[in-house]
Amino acid sequence: MIKGLKELYIDAKNICYKDPACRNVLEAIILYPGFHAIFFHRIAHFLYCKKLFFLARLISQISRHITGIEIHPGAKIGRKLFIDHGMGIVIGETATIGDNCTIYHNSTLRRNRKRQKQKAS
């Protein structure tokens, strides 16, 4: 629990570092939809890993309606993701995002499943 809160604090601090309009960590936590999307995703991903798929998808859909950012609970997201002007971002189930990434509006991230299946054949 404490580790999760520490990670969220690090995410909020990262927003302040990368966005010159952000004045402090509390502002990032309260006002930034990118932070809210990451917050909900961390919960949904935990539930997804516990095989609670319906509940995980429910949380991700609620987050999408609140933030305009759609992140599938199966997506793997590293530390310090910064979603700037996040409206229209879609992160698919098979996407993997490393540490210290920044994503801007109208971006779609996913892995091409057709190519995976062809390589496996």
PDB file of N, CA and C in Angstrom:
ATOM      1  N   MET A   1       0.821  -1.203   0.000  1.00  0.00           N
ATOM      2  CA  MET A   1       0.000   0.000   0.000  1.00  0.00           C
ATOM      3  C   MET A   1       0.861   1.261   0.000  1.00  0.00           C
ATOM      4  N   ILE A   2       1.838   1.319   0.897  1.00  0.00           N
ATOM      5  CA  ILE A   2       2.698   2.497   0.988  1.00  0.00           C
ATOM      6  C   ILE A   2       3.542   2.623  -0.275  1.00  0.00           C
ATOM      7  N   LYS A   3       3.998   1.492  -0.813  1.00  0.00           N
ATOM      8  CA  LYS A   3       4.787   1.529  -2.046  1.00  0.00           C
ATOM      9  C   LYS A   3       3.959   2.131  -3.181  1.00  0.00           C
ATOM     10  N   GLY A   4       2.683   1.737  -3.283  1.00  0.00           N
ATOM     11  CA  GLY A   4       1.807   2.272  -4.317  1.00  0.00           C
ATOM     12  C   GLY A   4       1.604   3.775  -4.182  1.00  0.00           C
ATOM     13  N   LEU A   5       1.435   4.245  -2.956  1.00  0.00           N
ATOM     14  CA  LEU A   5       1.269   5.677  -2.722  1.00  0.00           C
ATOM     15  C   LEU A   5       2.544   6.439  -3.064  1.00  0.00           C
ATOM     16  N   LYS A   6       3.674   5.822  -2.745  1.00  0.00           N
ATOM     17  CA  LYS A   6       4.962   6.451  -3.071  1.00  0.00           C
ATOM     18  C   LYS A   6       5.125   6.562  -4.589  1.00  0.00           C
ATOM     19  N   GLU A   7       4.741   5.516  -5.309  1.00  0.00           N
ATOM     20  CA  GLU A   7       4.822   5.541  -6.772  1.00  0.00           C
ATOM     21  C   GLU A   7       3.926   6.640  -7.354  1.00  0.00           C
ATOM     22  N   LEU A   8       2.717   6.785  -6.812  1.00  0.00           N
ATOM     23  CA  LEU A   8       1.825   7.836  -7.278  1.00  0.00           C
ATOM     24  C   LEU A   8       2.398   9.221  -6.984  1.00  0.00           C
ATOM     25  N   TYR A   9       3.027   9.381  -5.833  1.00  0.00           N
ATOM     26  CA  TYR A   9       3.668  10.651  -5.500  1.00  0.00           C
ATOM     27  C   TYR A   9       4.786  10.950  -6.497  1.00  0.00           C
ATOM     28  N   ILE A  10       5.566   9.920  -6.839  1.00  0.00           N
ATOM     29  CA  ILE A  10       6.643  10.089  -7.822  1.00  0.00           C
ATOM     30  C   ILE A  10       6.060  10.489  -9.181  1.00  0.00           C
ATOM     31  N   ASP A  11       4.935   9.872  -9.574  1.00  0.00           N
ATOM     32  CA  ASP A  11       4.269  10.243 -10.829  1.00  0.00           C
ATOM     33  C   ASP A  11       3.841  11.713 -10.807  1.00  0.00           C
ATOM     34  N   ALA A  12       3.262  12.152  -9.697  1.00  0.00           N
ATOM     35  CA  ALA A  12       2.814  13.547  -9.577  1.00  0.00           C
ATOM     36  C   ALA A  12       4.004  14.507  -9.594  1.00  0.00           C
ATOM     37  N   LYS A  13       5.066  14.144  -8.915  1.00  0.00           N
ATOM     38  CA  LYS A  13       6.270  14.965  -8.897  1.00  0.00           C
ATOM     39  C   LYS A  13       6.868  15.083 -10.303  1.00  0.00           C
ATOM     40  N   ASN A  14       6.799  13.997 -11.055  1.00  0.00           N
ATOM     41  CA  ASN A  14       7.295  13.984 -12.428  1.00  0.00           C
ATOM     42  C   ASN A  14       6.505  14.954 -13.307  1.00  0.00           C
ATOM     43  N   ILE A  15       5.190  15.033 -13.091  1.00  0.00           N
ATOM     44  CA  ILE A  15       4.367  15.985 -13.842  1.00  0.00           C
ATOM     45  C   ILE A  15       4.868  17.404 -13.579  1.00  0.00           C
ATOM     46  N   CYS A  16       5.120  17.730 -12.323  1.00  0.00           N
ATOM     47  CA  CYS A  16       5.623  19.069 -11.980  1.00  0.00           C
ATOM     48  C   CYS A  16       6.971  19.349 -12.627  1.00  0.00           C
ATOM     49  N   TYR A  17       7.800  18.331 -12.715  1.00  0.00           N
ATOM     50  CA  TYR A  17       9.121  18.487 -13.325  1.00  0.00           C
ATOM     51  C   TYR A  17       9.004  18.743 -14.830  1.00  0.00           C
ATOM     52  N   LYS A  18       8.100  18.010 -15.502  1.00  0.00           N
ATOM     53  CA  LYS A  18       8.017  18.079 -16.961  1.00  0.00           C
ATOM     54  C   LYS A  18       7.087  19.171 -17.483  1.00  0.00           C
ATOM     55  N   ASP A  19       6.146  19.643 -16.679  1.00  0.00           N
ATOM     56  CA  ASP A  19       5.195  20.654 -17.146  1.00  0.00           C
ATOM     57  C   ASP A  19       5.451  21.975 -16.428  1.00  0.00           C
ATOM     58  N   PRO A  20       5.948  22.987 -17.149  1.00  0.00           N
ATOM     59  CA  PRO A  20       6.248  24.268 -16.499  1.00  0.00           C
ATOM     60  C   PRO A  20       5.004  24.976 -15.944  1.00  0.00           C
ATOM     61  N   ALA A  21       3.806  24.581 -16.397  1.00  0.00           N
ATOM     62  CA  ALA A  21       2.580  25.205 -15.885  1.00  0.00           C
ATOM     63  C   ALA A  21       2.164  24.643 -14.531  1.00  0.00           C
ATOM     64  N   CYS A  22       2.736  23.523 -14.139  1.00  0.00           N
ATOM     65  CA  CYS A  22       2.380  22.884 -12.865  1.00  0.00           C
ATOM     66  C   CYS A  22       3.161  23.555 -11.735  1.00  0.00           C
ATOM     67  N   ARG A  23       2.436  24.042 -10.749  1.00  0.00           N
ATOM     68  CA  ARG A  23       3.072  24.790  -9.670  1.00  0.00           C
ATOM     69  C   ARG A  23       3.540  23.927  -8.500  1.00  0.00           C
ATOM     70  N   ASN A  24       2.813  22.821  -8.227  1.00  0.00           N
ATOM     71  CA  ASN A  24       3.210  21.964  -7.113  1.00  0.00           C
ATOM     72  C   ASN A  24       2.564  20.584  -7.264  1.00  0.00           C
ATOM     73  N   VAL A  25       2.992  19.654  -6.440  1.00  0.00           N
ATOM     74  CA  VAL A  25       2.531  18.271  -6.524  1.00  0.00           C
ATOM     75  C   VAL A  25       1.025  18.165  -6.257  1.00  0.00           C
ATOM     76  N   LEU A  26       0.522  18.914  -5.307  1.00  0.00           N
ATOM     77  CA  LEU A  26      -0.909  18.870  -5.006  1.00  0.00           C
ATOM     78  C   LEU A  26      -1.742  19.280  -6.232  1.00  0.00           C
ATOM     79  N   GLU A  27      -1.279  20.291  -6.950  1.00  0.00           N
ATOM     80  CA  GLU A  27      -1.959  20.711  -8.169  1.00  0.00           C
ATOM     81  C   GLU A  27      -1.974  19.583  -9.201  1.00  0.00           C
ATOM     82  N   ALA A  28      -0.864  18.875  -9.348  1.00  0.00           N
ATOM     83  CA  ALA A  28      -0.794  17.747 -10.290  1.00  0.00           C
ATOM     84  C   ALA A  28      -1.781  16.657  -9.893  1.00  0.00           C
ATOM     85  N   ILE A  29      -1.876  16.375  -8.608  1.00  0.00           N
ATOM     86  CA  ILE A  29      -2.770  15.320  -8.119  1.00  0.00           C
ATOM     87  C   ILE A  29      -4.237  15.698  -8.324  1.00  0.00           C
ATOM     88  N   ILE A  30      -4.580  16.943  -8.078  1.00  0.00           N
ATOM     89  CA  ILE A  30      -5.984  17.354  -8.135  1.00  0.00           C
ATOM     90  C   ILE A  30      -6.442  17.725  -9.545  1.00  0.00           C
ATOM     91  N   LEU A  31      -5.584  18.381 -10.327  1.00  0.00           N
ATOM     92  CA  LEU A  31      -6.032  19.000 -11.570  1.00  0.00           C
ATOM     93  C   LEU A  31      -5.624  18.313 -12.866  1.00  0.00           C
ATOM     94  N   TYR A  32      -4.737  17.360 -12.835  1.00  0.00           N
ATOM     95  CA  TYR A  32      -4.201  16.799 -14.080  1.00  0.00           C
ATOM     96  C   TYR A  32      -4.875  15.476 -14.445  1.00  0.00           C
ATOM     97  N   PRO A  33      -5.629  15.440 -15.554  1.00  0.00           N
ATOM     98  CA  PRO A  33      -6.300  14.201 -15.960  1.00  0.00           C
ATOM     99  C   PRO A  33      -5.323  13.073 -16.276  1.00  0.00           C
ATOM    100  N   GLY A  34      -4.131  13.417 -16.722  1.00  0.00           N
ATOM    101  CA  GLY A  34      -3.118  12.383 -16.973  1.00  0.00           C
ATOM    102  C   GLY A  34      -2.765  11.639 -15.691  1.00  0.00           C
ATOM    103  N   PHE A  35      -2.674  12.367 -14.600  1.00  0.00           N
ATOM    104  CA  PHE A  35      -2.413  11.731 -13.307  1.00  0.00           C
ATOM    105  C   PHE A  35      -3.585  10.855 -12.896  1.00  0.00           C
ATOM    106  N   HIS A  36      -4.812  11.359 -13.093  1.00  0.00           N
ATOM    107  CA  HIS A  36      -5.998  10.578 -12.730  1.00  0.00           C
ATOM    108  C   HIS A  36      -6.049   9.280 -13.533  1.00  0.00           C
ATOM    109  N   ALA A  37      -5.724   9.350 -14.825  1.00  0.00           N
ATOM    110  CA  ALA A  37      -5.731   8.155 -15.672  1.00  0.00           C
ATOM    111  C   ALA A  37      -4.715   7.130 -15.183  1.00  0.00           C
ATOM    112  N   ILE A  38      -3.540   7.593 -14.791  1.00  0.00           N
ATOM    113  CA  ILE A  38      -2.510   6.689 -14.284  1.00  0.00           C
ATOM    114  C   ILE A  38      -2.956   6.079 -12.948  1.00  0.00           C
ATOM    115  N   PHE A  39      -3.543   6.906 -12.095  1.00  0.00           N
ATOM    116  CA  PHE A  39      -4.050   6.438 -10.805  1.00  0.00           C
ATOM    117  C   PHE A  39      -5.058   5.302 -11.006  1.00  0.00           C
ATOM    118  N   PHE A  40      -6.064   5.542 -11.859  1.00  0.00           N
ATOM    119  CA  PHE A  40      -7.074   4.510 -12.121  1.00  0.00           C
ATOM    120  C   PHE A  40      -6.463   3.292 -12.795  1.00  0.00           C
ATOM    121  N   HIS A  41      -5.502   3.525 -13.694  1.00  0.00           N
ATOM    122  CA  HIS A  41      -4.882   2.384 -14.381  1.00  0.00           C
ATOM    123  C   HIS A  41      -4.147   1.481 -13.389  1.00  0.00           C
ATOM    124  N   ARG A  42      -3.453   2.055 -12.446  1.00  0.00           N
ATOM    125  CA  ARG A  42      -2.704   1.233 -11.478  1.00  0.00           C
ATOM    126  C   ARG A  42      -3.670   0.325 -10.700  1.00  0.00           C
ATOM    127  N   ILE A  43      -4.829   0.835 -10.346  1.00  0.00           N
ATOM    128  CA  ILE A  43      -5.839   0.018  -9.658  1.00  0.00           C
ATOM    129  C   ILE A  43      -6.384  -1.053 -10.602  1.00  0.00           C
ATOM    130  N   ALA A  44      -6.772  -0.643 -11.811  1.00  0.00           N
ATOM    131  CA  ALA A  44      -7.339  -1.577 -12.791  1.00  0.00           C
ATOM    132  C   ALA A  44      -6.325  -2.658 -13.164  1.00  0.00           C
ATOM    133  N   HIS A  45      -5.065  -2.280 -13.316  1.00  0.00           N
ATOM    134  CA  HIS A  45      -4.031  -3.261 -13.676  1.00  0.00           C
ATOM    135  C   HIS A  45      -3.833  -4.289 -12.560  1.00  0.00           C
ATOM    136  N   PHE A  46      -3.879  -3.830 -11.322  1.00  0.00           N
ATOM    137  CA  PHE A  46      -3.777  -4.747 -10.183  1.00  0.00           C
ATOM    138  C   PHE A  46      -4.904  -5.771 -10.242  1.00  0.00           C
ATOM    139  N   LEU A  47      -6.129  -5.302 -10.468  1.00  0.00           N
ATOM    140  CA  LEU A  47      -7.286  -6.203 -10.548  1.00  0.00           C
ATOM    141  C   LEU A  47      -7.174  -7.135 -11.757  1.00  0.00           C
ATOM    142  N   TYR A  48      -6.688  -6.621 -12.867  1.00  0.00           N
ATOM    143  CA  TYR A  48      -6.494  -7.421 -14.085  1.00  0.00           C
ATOM    144  C   TYR A  48      -5.512  -8.573 -13.812  1.00  0.00           C
ATOM    145  N   CYS A  49      -4.440  -8.264 -13.113  1.00  0.00           N
ATOM    146  CA  CYS A  49      -3.446  -9.290 -12.780  1.00  0.00           C
ATOM    147  C   CYS A  49      -4.005 -10.343 -11.819  1.00  0.00           C
ATOM    148  N   LYS A  50      -5.020  -9.973 -11.053  1.00  0.00           N
ATOM    149  CA  LYS A  50      -5.697 -10.906 -10.139  1.00  0.00           C
ATOM    150  C   LYS A  50      -6.842 -11.644 -10.829  1.00  0.00           C
ATOM    151  N   LYS A  51      -6.943 -11.478 -12.162  1.00  0.00           N
ATOM    152  CA  LYS A  51      -7.976 -12.133 -12.992  1.00  0.00           C
ATOM    153  C   LYS A  51      -9.389 -11.612 -12.716  1.00  0.00           C
ATOM    154  N   LEU A  52      -9.503 -10.420 -12.179  1.00  0.00           N
ATOM    155  CA  LEU A  52     -10.801  -9.772 -11.962  1.00  0.00           C
ATOM    156  C   LEU A  52     -11.060  -8.843 -13.152  1.00  0.00           C
ATOM    157  N   PHE A  53     -11.217  -9.463 -14.337  1.00  0.00           N
ATOM    158  CA  PHE A  53     -11.263  -8.731 -15.594  1.00  0.00           C
ATOM    159  C   PHE A  53     -12.429  -7.747 -15.688  1.00  0.00           C
ATOM    160  N   PHE A  54     -13.621  -8.165 -15.292  1.00  0.00           N
ATOM    161  CA  PHE A  54     -14.775  -7.279 -15.408  1.00  0.00           C
ATOM    162  C   PHE A  54     -14.590  -6.030 -14.553  1.00  0.00           C
ATOM    163  N   LEU A  55     -14.181  -6.201 -13.311  1.00  0.00           N
ATOM    164  CA  LEU A  55     -13.981  -5.063 -12.423  1.00  0.00           C
ATOM    165  C   LEU A  55     -12.860  -4.153 -12.940  1.00  0.00           C
ATOM    166  N   ALA A  56     -11.812  -4.764 -13.463  1.00  0.00           N
ATOM    167  CA  ALA A  56     -10.701  -3.983 -14.023  1.00  0.00           C
ATOM    168  C   ALA A  56     -11.174  -3.138 -15.203  1.00  0.00           C
ATOM    169  N   ARG A  57     -11.956  -3.746 -16.113  1.00  0.00           N
ATOM    170  CA  ARG A  57     -12.468  -3.008 -17.272  1.00  0.00           C
ATOM    171  C   ARG A  57     -13.456  -1.936 -16.845  1.00  0.00           C
ATOM    172  N   LEU A  58     -14.262  -2.204 -15.826  1.00  0.00           N
ATOM    173  CA  LEU A  58     -15.205  -1.215 -15.325  1.00  0.00           C
ATOM    174  C   LEU A  58     -14.466   0.033 -14.842  1.00  0.00           C
ATOM    175  N   ILE A  59     -13.426  -0.170 -14.073  1.00  0.00           N
ATOM    176  CA  ILE A  59     -12.638   0.961 -13.565  1.00  0.00           C
ATOM    177  C   ILE A  59     -11.984   1.717 -14.722  1.00  0.00           C
ATOM    178  N   SER A  60     -11.470   0.989 -15.713  1.00  0.00           N
ATOM    179  CA  SER A  60     -10.832   1.667 -16.845  1.00  0.00           C
ATOM    180  C   SER A  60     -11.846   2.471 -17.661  1.00  0.00           C
ATOM    181  N   GLN A  61     -13.069   1.970 -17.784  1.00  0.00           N
ATOM    182  CA  GLN A  61     -14.097   2.706 -18.524  1.00  0.00           C
ATOM    183  C   GLN A  61     -14.576   3.941 -17.754  1.00  0.00           C
ATOM    184  N   ILE A  62     -14.681   3.830 -16.450  1.00  0.00           N
ATOM    185  CA  ILE A  62     -15.024   5.004 -15.631  1.00  0.00           C
ATOM    186  C   ILE A  62     -13.931   6.065 -15.788  1.00  0.00           C
ATOM    187  N   SER A  63     -12.681   5.624 -15.756  1.00  0.00           N
ATOM    188  CA  SER A  63     -11.557   6.538 -15.937  1.00  0.00           C
ATOM    189  C   SER A  63     -11.614   7.213 -17.305  1.00  0.00           C
ATOM    190  N   ARG A  64     -11.942   6.456 -18.344  1.00  0.00           N
ATOM    191  CA  ARG A  64     -12.031   7.017 -19.698  1.00  0.00           C
ATOM    192  C   ARG A  64     -13.085   8.118 -19.758  1.00  0.00           C
ATOM    193  N   HIS A  65     -14.222   7.896 -19.109  1.00  0.00           N
ATOM    194  CA  HIS A  65     -15.277   8.908 -19.117  1.00  0.00           C
ATOM    195  C   HIS A  65     -14.884  10.155 -18.328  1.00  0.00           C
ATOM    196  N   ILE A  66     -14.105   9.985 -17.295  1.00  0.00           N
ATOM    197  CA  ILE A  66     -13.673  11.121 -16.470  1.00  0.00           C
ATOM    198  C   ILE A  66     -12.543  11.906 -17.138  1.00  0.00           C
ATOM    199  N   THR A  67     -11.582  11.178 -17.737  1.00  0.00           N
ATOM    200  CA  THR A  67     -10.349  11.816 -18.209  1.00  0.00           C
ATOM    201  C   THR A  67     -10.249  11.994 -19.722  1.00  0.00           C
ATOM    202  N   GLY A  68     -10.986  11.199 -20.502  1.00  0.00           N
ATOM    203  CA  GLY A  68     -10.819  11.217 -21.953  1.00  0.00           C
ATOM    204  C   GLY A  68      -9.620  10.416 -22.413  1.00  0.00           C
ATOM    205  N   ILE A  69      -9.012   9.677 -21.489  1.00  0.00           N
ATOM    206  CA  ILE A  69      -7.831   8.863 -21.766  1.00  0.00           C
ATOM    207  C   ILE A  69      -8.213   7.405 -21.548  1.00  0.00           C
ATOM    208  N   GLU A  70      -8.023   6.577 -22.565  1.00  0.00           N
ATOM    209  CA  GLU A  70      -8.408   5.173 -22.456  1.00  0.00           C
ATOM    210  C   GLU A  70      -7.160   4.303 -22.325  1.00  0.00           C
ATOM    211  N   ILE A  71      -7.044   3.637 -21.188  1.00  0.00           N
ATOM    212  CA  ILE A  71      -5.914   2.730 -20.952  1.00  0.00           C
ATOM    213  C   ILE A  71      -6.493   1.370 -20.577  1.00  0.00           C
ATOM    214  N   HIS A  72      -6.197   0.366 -21.389  1.00  0.00           N
ATOM    215  CA  HIS A  72      -6.671  -0.988 -21.084  1.00  0.00           C
ATOM    216  C   HIS A  72      -5.954  -1.479 -19.825  1.00  0.00           C
ATOM    217  N   PRO A  73      -6.673  -2.165 -18.940  1.00  0.00           N
ATOM    218  CA  PRO A  73      -6.044  -2.631 -17.697  1.00  0.00           C
ATOM    219  C   PRO A  73      -4.894  -3.608 -17.915  1.00  0.00           C
ATOM    220  N   GLY A  74      -4.834  -4.239 -19.079  1.00  0.00           N
ATOM    221  CA  GLY A  74      -3.742  -5.174 -19.360  1.00  0.00           C
ATOM    222  C   GLY A  74      -2.457  -4.504 -19.805  1.00  0.00           C
ATOM    223  N   ALA A  75      -2.502  -3.226 -20.142  1.00  0.00           N
ATOM    224  CA  ALA A  75      -1.301  -2.506 -20.581  1.00  0.00           C
ATOM    225  C   ALA A  75      -0.292  -2.435 -19.441  1.00  0.00           C
ATOM    226  N   LYS A  76       0.972  -2.545 -19.804  1.00  0.00           N
ATOM    227  CA  LYS A  76       2.050  -2.468 -18.808  1.00  0.00           C
ATOM    228  C   LYS A  76       2.678  -1.085 -18.893  1.00  0.00           C
ATOM    229  N   ILE A  77       2.634  -0.361 -17.784  1.00  0.00           N
ATOM    230  CA  ILE A  77       3.126   1.017 -17.755  1.00  0.00           C
ATOM    231  C   ILE A  77       4.203   1.148 -16.692  1.00  0.00           C
ATOM    232  N   GLY A  78       5.334   1.707 -17.101  1.00  0.00           N
ATOM    233  CA  GLY A  78       6.453   1.905 -16.191  1.00  0.00           C
ATOM    234  C   GLY A  78       6.264   3.128 -15.302  1.00  0.00           C
ATOM    235  N   ARG A  79       7.331   3.495 -14.631  1.00  0.00           N
ATOM    236  CA  ARG A  79       7.307   4.631 -13.715  1.00  0.00           C
ATOM    237  C   ARG A  79       7.406   5.950 -14.476  1.00  0.00           C
ATOM    238  N   LYS A  80       6.891   6.989 -13.864  1.00  0.00           N
ATOM    239  CA  LYS A  80       7.030   8.368 -14.330  1.00  0.00           C
ATOM    240  C   LYS A  80       6.467   8.598 -15.731  1.00  0.00           C
ATOM    241  N   LEU A  81       5.329   8.006 -16.035  1.00  0.00           N
ATOM    242  CA  LEU A  81       4.654   8.313 -17.292  1.00  0.00           C
ATOM    243  C   LEU A  81       4.017   9.694 -17.161  1.00  0.00           C
ATOM    244  N   PHE A  82       4.236  10.537 -18.160  1.00  0.00           N
ATOM    245  CA  PHE A  82       3.616  11.858 -18.189  1.00  0.00           C
ATOM    246  C   PHE A  82       2.698  11.922 -19.400  1.00  0.00           C
ATOM    247  N   ILE A  83       1.401  12.057 -19.143  1.00  0.00           N
ATOM    248  CA  ILE A  83       0.413  12.205 -20.207  1.00  0.00           C
ATOM    249  C   ILE A  83       0.037  13.680 -20.244  1.00  0.00           C
ATOM    250  N   ASP A  84       0.494  14.375 -21.277  1.00  0.00           N
ATOM    251  CA  ASP A  84       0.253  15.809 -21.404  1.00  0.00           C
ATOM    252  C   ASP A  84      -0.874  16.045 -22.391  1.00  0.00           C
ATOM    253  N   HIS A  85      -1.859  16.809 -22.005  1.00  0.00           N
ATOM    254  CA  HIS A  85      -3.023  17.090 -22.859  1.00  0.00           C
ATOM    255  C   HIS A  85      -3.582  15.774 -23.390  1.00  0.00           C
ATOM    256  N   GLY A  86      -4.030  14.926 -22.497  1.00  0.00           N
ATOM    257  CA  GLY A  86      -4.320  13.535 -22.791  1.00  0.00           C
ATOM    258  C   GLY A  86      -5.560  13.203 -23.582  1.00  0.00           C
ATOM    259  N   MET A  87      -6.394  14.156 -23.954  1.00  0.00           N
ATOM    260  CA  MET A  87      -7.631  13.839 -24.655  1.00  0.00           C
ATOM    261  C   MET A  87      -7.341  13.033 -25.918  1.00  0.00           C
ATOM    262  N   GLY A  88      -8.031  11.911 -26.048  1.00  0.00           N
ATOM    263  CA  GLY A  88      -7.900  11.092 -27.253  1.00  0.00           C
ATOM    264  C   GLY A  88      -6.784  10.069 -27.214  1.00  0.00           C
ATOM    265  N   ILE A  89      -6.141   9.888 -26.080  1.00  0.00           N
ATOM    266  CA  ILE A  89      -5.090   8.871 -25.983  1.00  0.00           C
ATOM    267  C   ILE A  89      -5.732   7.510 -25.759  1.00  0.00           C
ATOM    268  N   VAL A  90      -5.258   6.509 -26.505  1.00  0.00           N
ATOM    269  CA  VAL A  90      -5.703   5.131 -26.340  1.00  0.00           C
ATOM    270  C   VAL A  90      -4.456   4.268 -26.173  1.00  0.00           C
ATOM    271  N   ILE A  91      -4.421   3.524 -25.085  1.00  0.00           N
ATOM    272  CA  ILE A  91      -3.319   2.587 -24.829  1.00  0.00           C
ATOM    273  C   ILE A  91      -3.942   1.206 -24.741  1.00  0.00           C
ATOM    274  N   GLY A  92      -3.595   0.342 -25.691  1.00  0.00           N
ATOM    275  CA  GLY A  92      -4.216  -0.969 -25.803  1.00  0.00           C
ATOM    276  C   GLY A  92      -3.680  -2.000 -24.835  1.00  0.00           C
ATOM    277  N   GLU A  93      -4.360  -3.136 -24.816  1.00  0.00           N
ATOM    278  CA  GLU A  93      -4.055  -4.225 -23.893  1.00  0.00           C
ATOM    279  C   GLU A  93      -2.628  -4.742 -24.032  1.00  0.00           C
ATOM    280  N   THR A  94      -2.102  -4.778 -25.226  1.00  0.00           N
ATOM    281  CA  THR A  94      -0.784  -5.371 -25.445  1.00  0.00           C
ATOM    282  C   THR A  94       0.342  -4.344 -25.418  1.00  0.00           C
ATOM    283  N   ALA A  95       0.023  -3.090 -25.129  1.00  0.00           N
ATOM    284  CA  ALA A  95       1.048  -2.040 -25.100  1.00  0.00           C
ATOM    285  C   ALA A  95       1.934  -2.178 -23.860  1.00  0.00           C
ATOM    286  N   THR A  96       3.210  -1.865 -24.048  1.00  0.00           N
ATOM    287  CA  THR A  96       4.161  -1.798 -22.946  1.00  0.00           C
ATOM    288  C   THR A  96       4.858  -0.449 -23.035  1.00  0.00           C
ATOM    289  N   ILE A  97       4.771   0.318 -21.960  1.00  0.00           N
ATOM    290  CA  ILE A  97       5.388   1.644 -21.905  1.00  0.00           C
ATOM    291  C   ILE A  97       6.462   1.601 -20.829  1.00  0.00           C
ATOM    292  N   GLY A  98       7.660   2.004 -21.190  1.00  0.00           N
ATOM    293  CA  GLY A  98       8.774   1.986 -20.250  1.00  0.00           C
ATOM    294  C   GLY A  98       8.738   3.163 -19.284  1.00  0.00           C
ATOM    295  N   ASP A  99       9.804   3.317 -18.547  1.00  0.00           N
ATOM    296  CA  ASP A  99       9.931   4.404 -17.583  1.00  0.00           C
ATOM    297  C   ASP A  99      10.216   5.729 -18.297  1.00  0.00           C
ATOM    298  N   ASN A 100       9.811   6.826 -17.662  1.00  0.00           N
ATOM    299  CA  ASN A 100      10.137   8.193 -18.087  1.00  0.00           C
ATOM    300  C   ASN A 100       9.632   8.555 -19.479  1.00  0.00           C
ATOM    301  N   CYS A 101       8.456   8.111 -19.841  1.00  0.00           N
ATOM    302  CA  CYS A 101       7.876   8.426 -21.155  1.00  0.00           C
ATOM    303  C   CYS A 101       6.904   9.597 -21.042  1.00  0.00           C
ATOM    304  N   THR A 102       6.764  10.321 -22.156  1.00  0.00           N
ATOM    305  CA  THR A 102       5.776  11.385 -22.276  1.00  0.00           C
ATOM    306  C   THR A 102       4.904  11.069 -23.479  1.00  0.00           C
ATOM    307  N   ILE A 103       3.595  11.181 -23.310  1.00  0.00           N
ATOM    308  CA  ILE A 103       2.639  10.937 -24.395  1.00  0.00           C
ATOM    309  C   ILE A 103       1.767  12.178 -24.533  1.00  0.00           C
ATOM    310  N   TYR A 104       1.588  12.622 -25.788  1.00  0.00           N
ATOM    311  CA  TYR A 104       0.754  13.781 -26.069  1.00  0.00           C
ATOM    312  C   TYR A 104      -0.590  13.343 -26.637  1.00  0.00           C
ATOM    313  N   HIS A 105      -1.531  14.261 -26.730  1.00  0.00           N
ATOM    314  CA  HIS A 105      -2.905  13.986 -27.144  1.00  0.00           C
ATOM    315  C   HIS A 105      -2.987  13.292 -28.513  1.00  0.00           C
ATOM    316  N   ASN A 106      -4.114  12.606 -28.715  1.00  0.00           N
ATOM    317  CA  ASN A 106      -4.427  11.913 -29.965  1.00  0.00           C
ATOM    318  C   ASN A 106      -3.373  10.858 -30.344  1.00  0.00           C
ATOM    319  N   SER A 107      -2.894  10.127 -29.370  1.00  0.00           N
ATOM    320  CA  SER A 107      -1.926   9.053 -29.618  1.00  0.00           C
ATOM    321  C   SER A 107      -2.587   7.708 -29.341  1.00  0.00           C
ATOM    322  N   THR A 108      -2.238   6.717 -30.149  1.00  0.00           N
ATOM    323  CA  THR A 108      -2.712   5.351 -29.919  1.00  0.00           C
ATOM    324  C   THR A 108      -1.504   4.448 -29.826  1.00  0.00           C
ATOM    325  N   LEU A 109      -1.430   3.695 -28.748  1.00  0.00           N
ATOM    326  CA  LEU A 109      -0.320   2.759 -28.551  1.00  0.00           C
ATOM    327  C   LEU A 109      -0.873   1.349 -28.449  1.00  0.00           C
ATOM    328  N   ARG A 110      -0.350   0.482 -29.269  1.00  0.00           N
ATOM    329  CA  ARG A 110      -0.719  -0.923 -29.202  1.00  0.00           C
ATOM    330  C   ARG A 110       0.336  -1.711 -29.949  1.00  0.00           C
ATOM    331  N   ARG A 111       0.310  -2.996 -29.754  1.00  0.00           N
ATOM    332  CA  ARG A 111       1.204  -3.885 -30.484  1.00  0.00           C
ATOM    333  C   ARG A 111       0.387  -4.535 -31.582  1.00  0.00           C
ATOM    334  N   ASN A 112       0.979  -4.734 -32.733  1.00  0.00           N
ATOM    335  CA  ASN A 112       0.272  -5.318 -33.861  1.00  0.00           C
ATOM    336  C   ASN A 112       0.155  -6.827 -33.677  1.00  0.00           C
ATOM    337  N   ARG A 113      -1.032  -7.306 -33.380  1.00  0.00           N
ATOM    338  CA  ARG A 113      -1.245  -8.736 -33.149  1.00  0.00           C
ATOM    339  C   ARG A 113      -1.078  -9.560 -34.414  1.00  0.00           C
ATOM    340  N   LYS A 114      -1.427  -9.007 -35.580  1.00  0.00           N
ATOM    341  CA  LYS A 114      -1.277  -9.756 -36.826  1.00  0.00           C
ATOM    342  C   LYS A 114       0.175 -10.141 -37.045  1.00  0.00           C
ATOM    343  N   ARG A 115       1.080  -9.205 -36.818  1.00  0.00           N
ATOM    344  CA  ARG A 115       2.504  -9.503 -37.006  1.00  0.00           C
ATOM    345  C   ARG A 115       2.972 -10.559 -36.027  1.00  0.00           C
ATOM    346  N   GLN A 116       2.477 -10.527 -34.808  1.00  0.00           N
ATOM    347  CA  GLN A 116       2.858 -11.538 -33.827  1.00  0.00           C
ATOM    348  C   GLN A 116       2.430 -12.916 -34.289  1.00  0.00           C
ATOM    349  N   LYS A 117       1.194 -13.035 -34.762  1.00  0.00           N
ATOM    350  CA  LYS A 117       0.674 -14.329 -35.194  1.00  0.00           C
ATOM    351  C   LYS A 117       1.433 -14.836 -36.413  1.00  0.00           C
ATOM    352  N   GLN A 118       1.803 -13.962 -37.339  1.00  0.00           N
ATOM    353  CA  GLN A 118       2.549 -14.378 -38.515  1.00  0.00           C
ATOM    354  C   GLN A 118       3.931 -14.881 -38.140  1.00  0.00           C
ATOM    355  N   LYS A 119       4.578 -14.199 -37.182  1.00  0.00           N
ATOM    356  CA  LYS A 119       5.907 -14.632 -36.757  1.00  0.00           C
ATOM    357  C   LYS A 119       5.855 -15.982 -36.060  1.00  0.00           C
ATOM    358  N   ALA A 120       4.780 -16.232 -35.325  1.00  0.00           N
ATOM    359  CA  ALA A 120       4.656 -17.482 -34.589  1.00  0.00           C
ATOM    360  C   ALA A 120       4.424 -18.669 -35.539  1.00  0.00           C
ATOM    361  N   SER A 121       3.886 -18.403 -36.732  1.00  0.00           N
ATOM    362  CA  SER A 121       3.582 -19.477 -37.688  1.00  0.00           C
ATOM    363  C   SER A 121       4.821 -20.044 -38.323  1.00  0.00           C
TER     364      SER A 121
END
